[in-house]
Amino acid sequence: MDSNTTPTTVEVNGFAFREIRIRSGVDAGPCAAAAGIDRSYLSRLETGARVRVSPSTLARLLEALQIRDRRAILADPHGTPSDATETEIGVA
């Protein structure tokens, strides 16, 4: 992928997101609503049935749980050239 191209999706670790959500005391329904996604979509992410999200969905998920470091839920927390940068997802 060209380094000037924004990726269309980002791989996330749904299991980590679920753990953070539960430890934060946030139920799935309100979390999904805050992120602007269906609860069933959140469930598929958290169970690993879905592993890729758009950069804008990633930003909303991070905001919903007030996660400041996106690496907490990335599948490859060390990043790869195809991962969205913090600026691209609006959490610089």
Protein backbone atom coordinates (compact mmCIF):
# COMPACT_ATOMS: atom_id res chain seq x y z
CA MET A 1 0.00 0.00 0.00
CA ASP A 2 1.25 3.46 -0.87
CA SER A 3 2.36 5.34 2.26
CA ASN A 4 0.11 8.27 1.24
CA THR A 5 -2.99 6.07 1.06
CA THR A 6 -5.35 5.86 4.01
CA PRO A 7 -6.26 2.24 4.77
CA THR A 8 -9.91 1.36 4.35
CA THR A 9 -9.90 -0.91 7.41
CA VAL A 10 -7.85 -1.51 10.53
CA GLU A 11 -7.44 -4.86 12.26
CA VAL A 12 -8.51 -4.76 15.91
CA ASN A 13 -8.31 -7.13 18.86
CA GLY A 14 -11.96 -7.46 19.84
CA PHE A 15 -11.12 -9.66 22.82
CA ALA A 16 -8.99 -6.87 24.27
CA PHE A 17 -11.72 -4.33 23.58
CA ARG A 18 -14.27 -6.52 25.38
CA GLU A 19 -11.99 -6.88 28.38
CA ILE A 20 -11.47 -3.11 28.57
CA ARG A 21 -15.22 -2.52 28.20
CA ILE A 22 -16.10 -4.97 30.97
CA ARG A 23 -13.39 -3.67 33.32
CA SER A 24 -14.68 -0.15 32.68
CA GLY A 25 -18.15 -1.23 33.78
CA VAL A 26 -19.76 -0.35 30.45
CA ASP A 27 -22.52 -2.58 29.09
CA ALA A 28 -22.39 -3.60 25.44
CA GLY A 29 -25.60 -1.81 24.44
CA PRO A 30 -24.61 1.67 25.65
CA CYS A 31 -21.07 1.17 24.33
CA ALA A 32 -22.35 0.26 20.86
CA ALA A 33 -24.74 3.21 20.90
CA ALA A 34 -21.95 5.60 21.92
CA ALA A 35 -19.81 4.26 19.06
CA GLY A 36 -22.69 4.54 16.58
CA ILE A 37 -22.76 0.82 15.77
CA ASP A 38 -25.26 -1.98 16.30
CA ARG A 39 -24.87 -4.09 19.39
CA SER A 40 -24.66 -7.19 17.15
CA TYR A 41 -21.73 -5.62 15.28
CA LEU A 42 -19.96 -4.94 18.60
CA SER A 43 -20.60 -8.53 19.62
CA ARG A 44 -19.04 -9.83 16.39
CA LEU A 45 -15.99 -7.64 17.02
CA GLU A 46 -15.62 -8.77 20.61
CA THR A 47 -15.92 -12.47 19.76
CA GLY A 48 -13.50 -12.29 16.84
CA ALA A 49 -16.13 -13.01 14.18
CA ARG A 50 -15.15 -9.61 12.72
CA VAL A 51 -11.61 -8.33 13.01
CA ARG A 52 -11.45 -5.25 10.77
CA VAL A 53 -13.13 -1.86 11.19
CA SER A 54 -12.95 1.44 9.36
CA PRO A 55 -10.67 4.10 10.85
CA SER A 56 -13.76 6.16 11.74
CA THR A 57 -15.35 3.20 13.59
CA LEU A 58 -12.07 2.63 15.42
CA ALA A 59 -12.04 6.28 16.50
CA ARG A 60 -15.62 6.04 17.78
CA LEU A 61 -14.88 2.81 19.68
CA LEU A 62 -11.85 4.42 21.31
CA GLU A 63 -13.94 7.46 22.25
CA ALA A 64 -16.79 5.32 23.62
CA LEU A 65 -14.48 3.83 26.25
CA GLN A 66 -12.17 6.83 26.52
CA ILE A 67 -9.20 4.75 25.37
CA ARG A 68 -6.31 7.16 24.80
CA ASP A 69 -3.81 4.71 23.30
CA ARG A 70 -5.23 2.98 20.23
CA ARG A 71 -2.62 0.24 20.54
CA ALA A 72 -4.71 -1.23 23.37
CA ILE A 73 -7.15 -2.68 20.85
CA LEU A 74 -5.10 -3.07 17.70
CA ALA A 75 -4.41 -6.62 16.55
CA ASP A 76 -0.78 -5.60 15.97
CA PRO A 77 -0.11 -3.02 18.69
CA HIS A 78 3.35 -2.27 17.30
CA GLY A 79 1.81 -1.14 14.02
CA THR A 80 2.43 -1.92 10.41
CA PRO A 81 2.58 0.36 7.40
CA SER A 82 -1.04 -0.53 6.59
CA ASP A 83 -2.42 0.63 9.97
CA ALA A 84 -4.09 4.01 10.25
CA THR A 85 -2.08 6.64 12.05
CA GLU A 86 -3.47 8.43 15.08
CA THR A 87 -4.00 11.55 12.98
CA GLU A 88 -5.98 9.59 10.37
CA ILE A 89 -8.41 8.30 12.99
CA GLY A 90 -8.61 11.59 14.85
CA VAL A 91 -6.90 10.66 18.11
CA ALA A 92 -3.56 12.42 17.84
